[in-house]
Amino acid sequence: MAIAARIDQLNYYQLLGLSREASFSEIRGAYHKRARSIHPDRFFEFPDPEIRVSIDRIFKRVAEAYTVLRDDEKREFYNQGLEATPPRMRFTDKDQQALLRSKKAITGTTPQGRKFYEKAQTLYEKKQVKMAIQSLRMACTFETNNSHFQTLLEQWEDELARANS
Protein backbone atom coordinates (compact mmCIF):
# COMPACT_ATOMS: atom_id res chain seq x y z
CA MET A 1 0.00 0.00 0.00
CA ALA A 2 2.32 2.70 -1.26
CA ILE A 3 -0.43 5.32 -1.25
CA ALA A 4 -1.11 4.74 2.46
CA ALA A 5 2.51 5.55 3.30
CA ARG A 6 2.38 8.82 1.31
CA ILE A 7 -1.20 9.92 1.97
CA ASP A 8 -0.20 12.86 4.17
CA GLN A 9 1.99 14.27 1.40
CA LEU A 10 -0.74 14.09 -1.26
CA ASN A 11 -3.14 16.91 -1.90
CA TYR A 12 -6.72 16.18 -2.89
CA TYR A 13 -6.03 16.59 -6.59
CA GLN A 14 -3.12 14.16 -6.48
CA LEU A 15 -5.19 11.71 -4.46
CA LEU A 16 -7.93 11.71 -7.10
CA GLY A 17 -5.51 11.95 -10.04
CA LEU A 18 -6.84 15.33 -11.22
CA SER A 19 -5.51 18.69 -12.32
CA ARG A 20 -6.49 21.81 -10.38
CA GLU A 21 -8.61 22.88 -13.35
CA ALA A 22 -10.76 19.73 -13.20
CA SER A 23 -14.48 20.21 -13.78
CA PHE A 24 -17.15 19.03 -11.39
CA SER A 25 -17.95 16.02 -13.60
CA GLU A 26 -14.26 15.05 -13.70
CA ILE A 27 -14.07 15.31 -9.91
CA ARG A 28 -17.19 13.21 -9.48
CA GLY A 29 -15.95 10.58 -11.94
CA ALA A 30 -12.51 10.37 -10.34
CA TYR A 31 -14.05 10.09 -6.88
CA HIS A 32 -16.41 7.27 -7.86
CA LYS A 33 -13.67 5.39 -9.67
CA ARG A 34 -11.28 5.67 -6.70
CA ALA A 35 -14.00 4.97 -4.13
CA ARG A 36 -15.09 1.78 -5.88
CA SER A 37 -11.54 0.48 -6.06
CA ILE A 38 -10.72 1.04 -2.38
CA HIS A 39 -14.07 0.78 -0.65
CA PRO A 40 -13.54 -0.82 2.78
CA ASP A 41 -16.35 -3.34 2.13
CA ARG A 42 -14.24 -4.91 -0.61
CA PHE A 43 -11.51 -5.63 1.94
CA PHE A 44 -13.73 -6.57 4.87
CA GLU A 45 -12.53 -10.17 4.99
CA PHE A 46 -8.91 -9.40 4.12
CA PRO A 47 -6.71 -11.28 6.62
CA ASP A 48 -4.24 -8.47 7.38
CA PRO A 49 -5.85 -5.94 9.79
CA GLU A 50 -3.13 -3.36 9.04
CA ILE A 51 -4.12 -3.28 5.39
CA ARG A 52 -7.80 -2.95 6.31
CA VAL A 53 -6.94 0.06 8.51
CA SER A 54 -4.89 1.59 5.67
CA ILE A 55 -7.71 1.07 3.18
CA ASP A 56 -10.17 2.69 5.57
CA ARG A 57 -7.85 5.69 6.04
CA ILE A 58 -7.38 6.12 2.28
CA PHE A 59 -11.10 5.82 1.65
CA LYS A 60 -11.89 8.48 4.23
CA ARG A 61 -9.34 10.84 2.67
CA VAL A 62 -10.79 10.24 -0.81
CA ALA A 63 -14.29 11.05 0.51
CA GLU A 64 -12.86 14.16 2.21
CA ALA A 65 -11.27 15.23 -1.10
CA TYR A 66 -14.57 14.84 -2.93
CA THR A 67 -16.50 16.78 -0.27
CA VAL A 68 -14.10 19.71 -0.54
CA LEU A 69 -13.48 19.78 -4.30
CA ARG A 70 -17.14 19.56 -5.29
CA ASP A 71 -18.00 22.69 -3.28
CA ASP A 72 -16.83 25.86 -5.06
CA GLU A 73 -16.25 27.89 -1.88
CA LYS A 74 -14.41 25.09 -0.08
CA ARG A 75 -12.39 24.35 -3.20
CA GLU A 76 -11.30 27.97 -3.57
CA PHE A 77 -10.32 28.13 0.11
CA TYR A 78 -8.48 24.81 -0.21
CA ASN A 79 -6.60 26.02 -3.30
CA GLN A 80 -5.46 29.11 -1.39
CA GLY A 81 -4.15 26.79 1.33
CA LEU A 82 -2.18 24.82 -1.24
CA GLU A 83 -0.39 28.02 -2.22
CA ALA A 84 0.54 28.83 1.40
CA THR A 85 3.94 28.10 2.89
CA PRO A 86 3.93 25.34 3.94
CA PRO A 87 0.98 24.18 1.85
CA ARG A 88 -2.13 22.93 3.68
CA MET A 89 -2.88 19.53 2.23
CA ARG A 90 -6.19 19.02 4.04
CA PHE A 91 -9.36 21.00 4.63
CA THR A 92 -9.97 20.77 8.36
CA ASP A 93 -12.71 21.87 10.73
CA LYS A 94 -10.52 24.88 11.49
CA ASP A 95 -10.57 25.75 7.77
CA GLN A 96 -14.35 25.32 7.69
CA GLN A 97 -14.70 27.76 10.58
CA ALA A 98 -12.38 30.27 8.87
CA LEU A 99 -14.39 29.97 5.66
CA LEU A 100 -17.63 30.61 7.55
CA ARG A 101 -16.11 33.62 9.32
CA SER A 102 -14.91 35.14 6.04
CA LYS A 103 -18.28 34.51 4.41
CA LYS A 104 -20.05 36.07 7.37
CA ALA A 105 -17.77 39.10 7.19
CA ILE A 106 -18.77 39.56 3.56
CA THR A 107 -22.52 39.14 4.02
CA GLY A 108 -22.72 40.82 7.41
CA THR A 109 -22.18 39.95 11.04
CA THR A 110 -25.41 41.43 12.41
CA PRO A 111 -28.96 40.45 11.44
CA GLN A 112 -29.78 44.03 10.42
CA GLY A 113 -26.56 44.39 8.44
CA ARG A 114 -27.23 41.13 6.58
CA LYS A 115 -30.83 42.13 5.90
CA PHE A 116 -29.89 45.46 4.32
CA TYR A 117 -26.92 43.95 2.48
CA GLU A 118 -29.11 41.26 0.91
CA LYS A 119 -31.70 43.88 -0.04
CA ALA A 120 -28.94 46.02 -1.59
CA GLN A 121 -27.66 43.05 -3.60
CA THR A 122 -31.16 42.28 -4.89
CA LEU A 123 -31.74 45.90 -5.89
CA TYR A 124 -28.34 46.10 -7.58
CA GLU A 125 -29.05 42.94 -9.58
CA LYS A 126 -32.28 44.60 -10.75
CA LYS A 127 -30.18 47.58 -11.93
CA GLN A 128 -31.70 49.84 -9.27
CA VAL A 129 -28.30 51.19 -8.24
CA LYS A 130 -29.50 54.30 -6.40
CA MET A 131 -31.83 52.29 -4.14
CA ALA A 132 -29.16 49.61 -3.70
CA ILE A 133 -26.77 52.29 -2.45
CA GLN A 134 -29.35 53.47 0.07
CA SER A 135 -29.79 49.93 1.41
CA LEU A 136 -26.06 49.39 1.54
CA ARG A 137 -25.64 52.64 3.47
CA MET A 138 -28.17 51.30 5.99
CA ALA A 139 -26.16 48.08 6.23
CA CYS A 140 -23.07 50.20 6.93
CA THR A 141 -24.82 51.95 9.82
CA PHE A 142 -25.22 48.57 11.51
CA GLU A 143 -21.72 47.42 10.61
CA THR A 144 -19.46 50.46 10.59
CA ASN A 145 -16.26 48.37 10.43
CA ASN A 146 -17.32 46.07 7.59
CA SER A 147 -14.69 46.74 4.94
CA HIS A 148 -16.54 44.71 2.31
CA PHE A 149 -19.64 46.88 2.71
CA GLN A 150 -17.53 50.06 2.53
CA THR A 151 -15.66 48.94 -0.59
CA LEU A 152 -18.85 47.87 -2.34
CA LEU A 153 -20.54 51.15 -1.42
CA GLU A 154 -17.64 53.13 -2.93
CA GLN A 155 -17.77 51.05 -6.12
CA TRP A 156 -21.51 51.51 -6.53
CA GLU A 157 -21.34 55.25 -5.81
CA ASP A 158 -18.57 55.63 -8.41
CA GLU A 159 -20.65 53.65 -10.89
CA LEU A 160 -23.68 55.85 -10.24
CA ALA A 161 -21.59 59.03 -10.59
CA ARG A 162 -20.18 57.81 -13.95
CA ALA A 163 -23.68 56.93 -15.16
CA ASN A 164 -24.98 60.38 -14.21
CA SER A 165 -22.14 62.30 -15.85
C-alpha atoms as a PDB file:
ATOM      1  CA  MET A   1       0.000   0.000   0.000  1.00  0.00           C
ATOM      2  CA  ALA A   2       2.316   2.699  -1.263  1.00  0.00           C
ATOM      3  CA  ILE A   3      -0.433   5.319  -1.246  1.00  0.00           C
ATOM      4  CA  ALA A   4      -1.111   4.739   2.460  1.00  0.00           C
ATOM      5  CA  ALA A   5       2.513   5.551   3.296  1.00  0.00           C
ATOM      6  CA  ARG A   6       2.378   8.819   1.305  1.00  0.00           C
ATOM      7  CA  ILE A   7      -1.196   9.925   1.972  1.00  0.00           C
ATOM      8  CA  ASP A   8      -0.201  12.864   4.174  1.00  0.00           C
ATOM      9  CA  GLN A   9       1.994  14.269   1.396  1.00  0.00           C
ATOM     10  CA  LEU A  10      -0.736  14.089  -1.260  1.00  0.00           C
ATOM     11  CA  ASN A  11      -3.143  16.912  -1.899  1.00  0.00           C
ATOM     12  CA  TYR A  12      -6.719  16.177  -2.890  1.00  0.00           C
ATOM     13  CA  TYR A  13      -6.026  16.591  -6.593  1.00  0.00           C
ATOM     14  CA  GLN A  14      -3.123  14.156  -6.480  1.00  0.00           C
ATOM     15  CA  LEU A  15      -5.187  11.712  -4.465  1.00  0.00           C
ATOM     16  CA  LEU A  16      -7.926  11.707  -7.101  1.00  0.00           C
ATOM     17  CA  GLY A  17      -5.513  11.952 -10.045  1.00  0.00           C
ATOM     18  CA  LEU A  18      -6.836  15.331 -11.219  1.00  0.00           C
ATOM     19  CA  SER A  19      -5.510  18.690 -12.316  1.00  0.00           C
ATOM     20  CA  ARG A  20      -6.493  21.811 -10.377  1.00  0.00           C
ATOM     21  CA  GLU A  21      -8.605  22.885 -13.349  1.00  0.00           C
ATOM     22  CA  ALA A  22     -10.762  19.733 -13.197  1.00  0.00           C
ATOM     23  CA  SER A  23     -14.482  20.206 -13.780  1.00  0.00           C
ATOM     24  CA  PHE A  24     -17.154  19.030 -11.393  1.00  0.00           C
ATOM     25  CA  SER A  25     -17.954  16.022 -13.597  1.00  0.00           C
ATOM     26  CA  GLU A  26     -14.262  15.050 -13.702  1.00  0.00           C
ATOM     27  CA  ILE A  27     -14.071  15.311  -9.913  1.00  0.00           C
ATOM     28  CA  ARG A  28     -17.190  13.210  -9.483  1.00  0.00           C
ATOM     29  CA  GLY A  29     -15.948  10.582 -11.938  1.00  0.00           C
ATOM     30  CA  ALA A  30     -12.508  10.365 -10.335  1.00  0.00           C
ATOM     31  CA  TYR A  31     -14.051  10.088  -6.876  1.00  0.00           C
ATOM     32  CA  HIS A  32     -16.407   7.273  -7.864  1.00  0.00           C
ATOM     33  CA  LYS A  33     -13.673   5.386  -9.671  1.00  0.00           C
ATOM     34  CA  ARG A  34     -11.281   5.667  -6.703  1.00  0.00           C
ATOM     35  CA  ALA A  35     -13.996   4.968  -4.125  1.00  0.00           C
ATOM     36  CA  ARG A  36     -15.092   1.775  -5.885  1.00  0.00           C
ATOM     37  CA  SER A  37     -11.535   0.479  -6.061  1.00  0.00           C
ATOM     38  CA  ILE A  38     -10.720   1.042  -2.381  1.00  0.00           C
ATOM     39  CA  HIS A  39     -14.074   0.780  -0.650  1.00  0.00           C
ATOM     40  CA  PRO A  40     -13.544  -0.821   2.783  1.00  0.00           C
ATOM     41  CA  ASP A  41     -16.347  -3.336   2.129  1.00  0.00           C
ATOM     42  CA  ARG A  42     -14.237  -4.908  -0.615  1.00  0.00           C
ATOM     43  CA  PHE A  43     -11.511  -5.630   1.942  1.00  0.00           C
ATOM     44  CA  PHE A  44     -13.735  -6.574   4.869  1.00  0.00           C
ATOM     45  CA  GLU A  45     -12.528 -10.175   4.990  1.00  0.00           C
ATOM     46  CA  PHE A  46      -8.906  -9.401   4.116  1.00  0.00           C
ATOM     47  CA  PRO A  47      -6.713 -11.276   6.621  1.00  0.00           C
ATOM     48  CA  ASP A  48      -4.241  -8.467   7.379  1.00  0.00           C
ATOM     49  CA  PRO A  49      -5.848  -5.936   9.787  1.00  0.00           C
ATOM     50  CA  GLU A  50      -3.134  -3.365   9.039  1.00  0.00           C
ATOM     51  CA  ILE A  51      -4.120  -3.278   5.386  1.00  0.00           C
ATOM     52  CA  ARG A  52      -7.804  -2.947   6.310  1.00  0.00           C
ATOM     53  CA  VAL A  53      -6.940   0.059   8.509  1.00  0.00           C
ATOM     54  CA  SER A  54      -4.893   1.589   5.671  1.00  0.00           C
ATOM     55  CA  ILE A  55      -7.712   1.067   3.179  1.00  0.00           C
ATOM     56  CA  ASP A  56     -10.170   2.691   5.567  1.00  0.00           C
ATOM     57  CA  ARG A  57      -7.849   5.685   6.038  1.00  0.00           C
ATOM     58  CA  ILE A  58      -7.377   6.125   2.280  1.00  0.00           C
ATOM     59  CA  PHE A  59     -11.096   5.818   1.645  1.00  0.00           C
ATOM     60  CA  LYS A  60     -11.885   8.484   4.232  1.00  0.00           C
ATOM     61  CA  ARG A  61      -9.337  10.839   2.668  1.00  0.00           C
ATOM     62  CA  VAL A  62     -10.790  10.238  -0.809  1.00  0.00           C
ATOM     63  CA  ALA A  63     -14.289  11.054   0.514  1.00  0.00           C
ATOM     64  CA  GLU A  64     -12.863  14.161   2.208  1.00  0.00           C
ATOM     65  CA  ALA A  65     -11.274  15.230  -1.096  1.00  0.00           C
ATOM     66  CA  TYR A  66     -14.570  14.840  -2.926  1.00  0.00           C
ATOM     67  CA  THR A  67     -16.498  16.776  -0.274  1.00  0.00           C
ATOM     68  CA  VAL A  68     -14.100  19.713  -0.545  1.00  0.00           C
ATOM     69  CA  LEU A  69     -13.479  19.780  -4.297  1.00  0.00           C
ATOM     70  CA  ARG A  70     -17.137  19.556  -5.288  1.00  0.00           C
ATOM     71  CA  ASP A  71     -17.998  22.689  -3.283  1.00  0.00           C
ATOM     72  CA  ASP A  72     -16.833  25.862  -5.061  1.00  0.00           C
ATOM     73  CA  GLU A  73     -16.248  27.887  -1.881  1.00  0.00           C
ATOM     74  CA  LYS A  74     -14.406  25.094  -0.079  1.00  0.00           C
ATOM     75  CA  ARG A  75     -12.388  24.351  -3.199  1.00  0.00           C
ATOM     76  CA  GLU A  76     -11.302  27.974  -3.565  1.00  0.00           C
ATOM     77  CA  PHE A  77     -10.323  28.133   0.113  1.00  0.00           C
ATOM     78  CA  TYR A  78      -8.479  24.809  -0.207  1.00  0.00           C
ATOM     79  CA  ASN A  79      -6.604  26.019  -3.300  1.00  0.00           C
ATOM     80  CA  GLN A  80      -5.462  29.107  -1.387  1.00  0.00           C
ATOM     81  CA  GLY A  81      -4.155  26.793   1.328  1.00  0.00           C
ATOM     82  CA  LEU A  82      -2.176  24.816  -1.239  1.00  0.00           C
ATOM     83  CA  GLU A  83      -0.390  28.017  -2.221  1.00  0.00           C
ATOM     84  CA  ALA A  84       0.537  28.828   1.399  1.00  0.00           C
ATOM     85  CA  THR A  85       3.944  28.098   2.891  1.00  0.00           C
ATOM     86  CA  PRO A  86       3.925  25.338   3.936  1.00  0.00           C
ATOM     87  CA  PRO A  87       0.976  24.178   1.853  1.00  0.00           C
ATOM     88  CA  ARG A  88      -2.125  22.934   3.677  1.00  0.00           C
ATOM     89  CA  MET A  89      -2.879  19.527   2.231  1.00  0.00           C
ATOM     90  CA  ARG A  90      -6.188  19.020   4.045  1.00  0.00           C
ATOM     91  CA  PHE A  91      -9.358  20.998   4.628  1.00  0.00           C
ATOM     92  CA  THR A  92      -9.972  20.767   8.358  1.00  0.00           C
ATOM     93  CA  ASP A  93     -12.714  21.868  10.733  1.00  0.00           C
ATOM     94  CA  LYS A  94     -10.519  24.876  11.489  1.00  0.00           C
ATOM     95  CA  ASP A  95     -10.566  25.751   7.770  1.00  0.00           C
ATOM     96  CA  GLN A  96     -14.346  25.319   7.690  1.00  0.00           C
ATOM     97  CA  GLN A  97     -14.703  27.761  10.576  1.00  0.00           C
ATOM     98  CA  ALA A  98     -12.379  30.274   8.874  1.00  0.00           C
ATOM     99  CA  LEU A  99     -14.390  29.971   5.663  1.00  0.00           C
ATOM    100  CA  LEU A 100     -17.626  30.606   7.551  1.00  0.00           C
ATOM    101  CA  ARG A 101     -16.111  33.625   9.317  1.00  0.00           C
ATOM    102  CA  SER A 102     -14.910  35.144   6.040  1.00  0.00           C
ATOM    103  CA  LYS A 103     -18.276  34.510   4.411  1.00  0.00           C
ATOM    104  CA  LYS A 104     -20.051  36.069   7.374  1.00  0.00           C
ATOM    105  CA  ALA A 105     -17.767  39.103   7.187  1.00  0.00           C
ATOM    106  CA  ILE A 106     -18.767  39.562   3.559  1.00  0.00           C
ATOM    107  CA  THR A 107     -22.522  39.141   4.016  1.00  0.00           C
ATOM    108  CA  GLY A 108     -22.723  40.819   7.412  1.00  0.00           C
ATOM    109  CA  THR A 109     -22.179  39.954  11.040  1.00  0.00           C
ATOM    110  CA  THR A 110     -25.411  41.427  12.409  1.00  0.00           C
ATOM    111  CA  PRO A 111     -28.965  40.452  11.445  1.00  0.00           C
ATOM    112  CA  GLN A 112     -29.778  44.027  10.423  1.00  0.00           C
ATOM    113  CA  GLY A 113     -26.559  44.389   8.440  1.00  0.00           C
ATOM    114  CA  ARG A 114     -27.228  41.131   6.584  1.00  0.00           C
ATOM    115  CA  LYS A 115     -30.835  42.134   5.895  1.00  0.00           C
ATOM    116  CA  PHE A 116     -29.890  45.458   4.319  1.00  0.00           C
ATOM    117  CA  TYR A 117     -26.915  43.948   2.478  1.00  0.00           C
ATOM    118  CA  GLU A 118     -29.110  41.260   0.912  1.00  0.00           C
ATOM    119  CA  LYS A 119     -31.701  43.875  -0.036  1.00  0.00           C
ATOM    120  CA  ALA A 120     -28.942  46.019  -1.589  1.00  0.00           C
ATOM    121  CA  GLN A 121     -27.660  43.047  -3.604  1.00  0.00           C
ATOM    122  CA  THR A 122     -31.160  42.284  -4.890  1.00  0.00           C
ATOM    123  CA  LEU A 123     -31.740  45.899  -5.894  1.00  0.00           C
ATOM    124  CA  TYR A 124     -28.338  46.096  -7.580  1.00  0.00           C
ATOM    125  CA  GLU A 125     -29.048  42.938  -9.584  1.00  0.00           C
ATOM    126  CA  LYS A 126     -32.277  44.602 -10.748  1.00  0.00           C
ATOM    127  CA  LYS A 127     -30.181  47.579 -11.926  1.00  0.00           C
ATOM    128  CA  GLN A 128     -31.699  49.838  -9.267  1.00  0.00           C
ATOM    129  CA  VAL A 129     -28.304  51.189  -8.235  1.00  0.00           C
ATOM    130  CA  LYS A 130     -29.505  54.301  -6.398  1.00  0.00           C
ATOM    131  CA  MET A 131     -31.833  52.288  -4.139  1.00  0.00           C
ATOM    132  CA  ALA A 132     -29.159  49.612  -3.702  1.00  0.00           C
ATOM    133  CA  ILE A 133     -26.768  52.288  -2.453  1.00  0.00           C
ATOM    134  CA  GLN A 134     -29.350  53.471   0.073  1.00  0.00           C
ATOM    135  CA  SER A 135     -29.794  49.927   1.406  1.00  0.00           C
ATOM    136  CA  LEU A 136     -26.062  49.388   1.545  1.00  0.00           C
ATOM    137  CA  ARG A 137     -25.644  52.640   3.467  1.00  0.00           C
ATOM    138  CA  MET A 138     -28.165  51.297   5.987  1.00  0.00           C
ATOM    139  CA  ALA A 139     -26.162  48.078   6.234  1.00  0.00           C
ATOM    140  CA  CYS A 140     -23.066  50.201   6.926  1.00  0.00           C
ATOM    141  CA  THR A 141     -24.822  51.952   9.815  1.00  0.00           C
ATOM    142  CA  PHE A 142     -25.219  48.575  11.515  1.00  0.00           C
ATOM    143  CA  GLU A 143     -21.717  47.416  10.611  1.00  0.00           C
ATOM    144  CA  THR A 144     -19.464  50.455  10.592  1.00  0.00           C
ATOM    145  CA  ASN A 145     -16.260  48.374  10.430  1.00  0.00           C
ATOM    146  CA  ASN A 146     -17.317  46.068   7.594  1.00  0.00           C
ATOM    147  CA  SER A 147     -14.686  46.742   4.942  1.00  0.00           C
ATOM    148  CA  HIS A 148     -16.536  44.711   2.313  1.00  0.00           C
ATOM    149  CA  PHE A 149     -19.642  46.877   2.705  1.00  0.00           C
ATOM    150  CA  GLN A 150     -17.529  50.064   2.527  1.00  0.00           C
ATOM    151  CA  THR A 151     -15.658  48.942  -0.589  1.00  0.00           C
ATOM    152  CA  LEU A 152     -18.848  47.874  -2.341  1.00  0.00           C
ATOM    153  CA  LEU A 153     -20.535  51.155  -1.425  1.00  0.00           C
ATOM    154  CA  GLU A 154     -17.642  53.131  -2.933  1.00  0.00           C
ATOM    155  CA  GLN A 155     -17.771  51.053  -6.124  1.00  0.00           C
ATOM    156  CA  TRP A 156     -21.507  51.507  -6.531  1.00  0.00           C
ATOM    157  CA  GLU A 157     -21.338  55.247  -5.806  1.00  0.00           C
ATOM    158  CA  ASP A 158     -18.571  55.625  -8.415  1.00  0.00           C
ATOM    159  CA  GLU A 159     -20.654  53.646 -10.887  1.00  0.00           C
ATOM    160  CA  LEU A 160     -23.684  55.848 -10.241  1.00  0.00           C
ATOM    161  CA  ALA A 161     -21.590  59.034 -10.593  1.00  0.00           C
ATOM    162  CA  ARG A 162     -20.184  57.808 -13.948  1.00  0.00           C
ATOM    163  CA  ALA A 163     -23.684  56.929 -15.157  1.00  0.00           C
ATOM    164  CA  ASN A 164     -24.978  60.379 -14.210  1.00  0.00           C
ATOM    165  CA  SER A 165     -22.140  62.304 -15.845  1.00  0.00           C
END
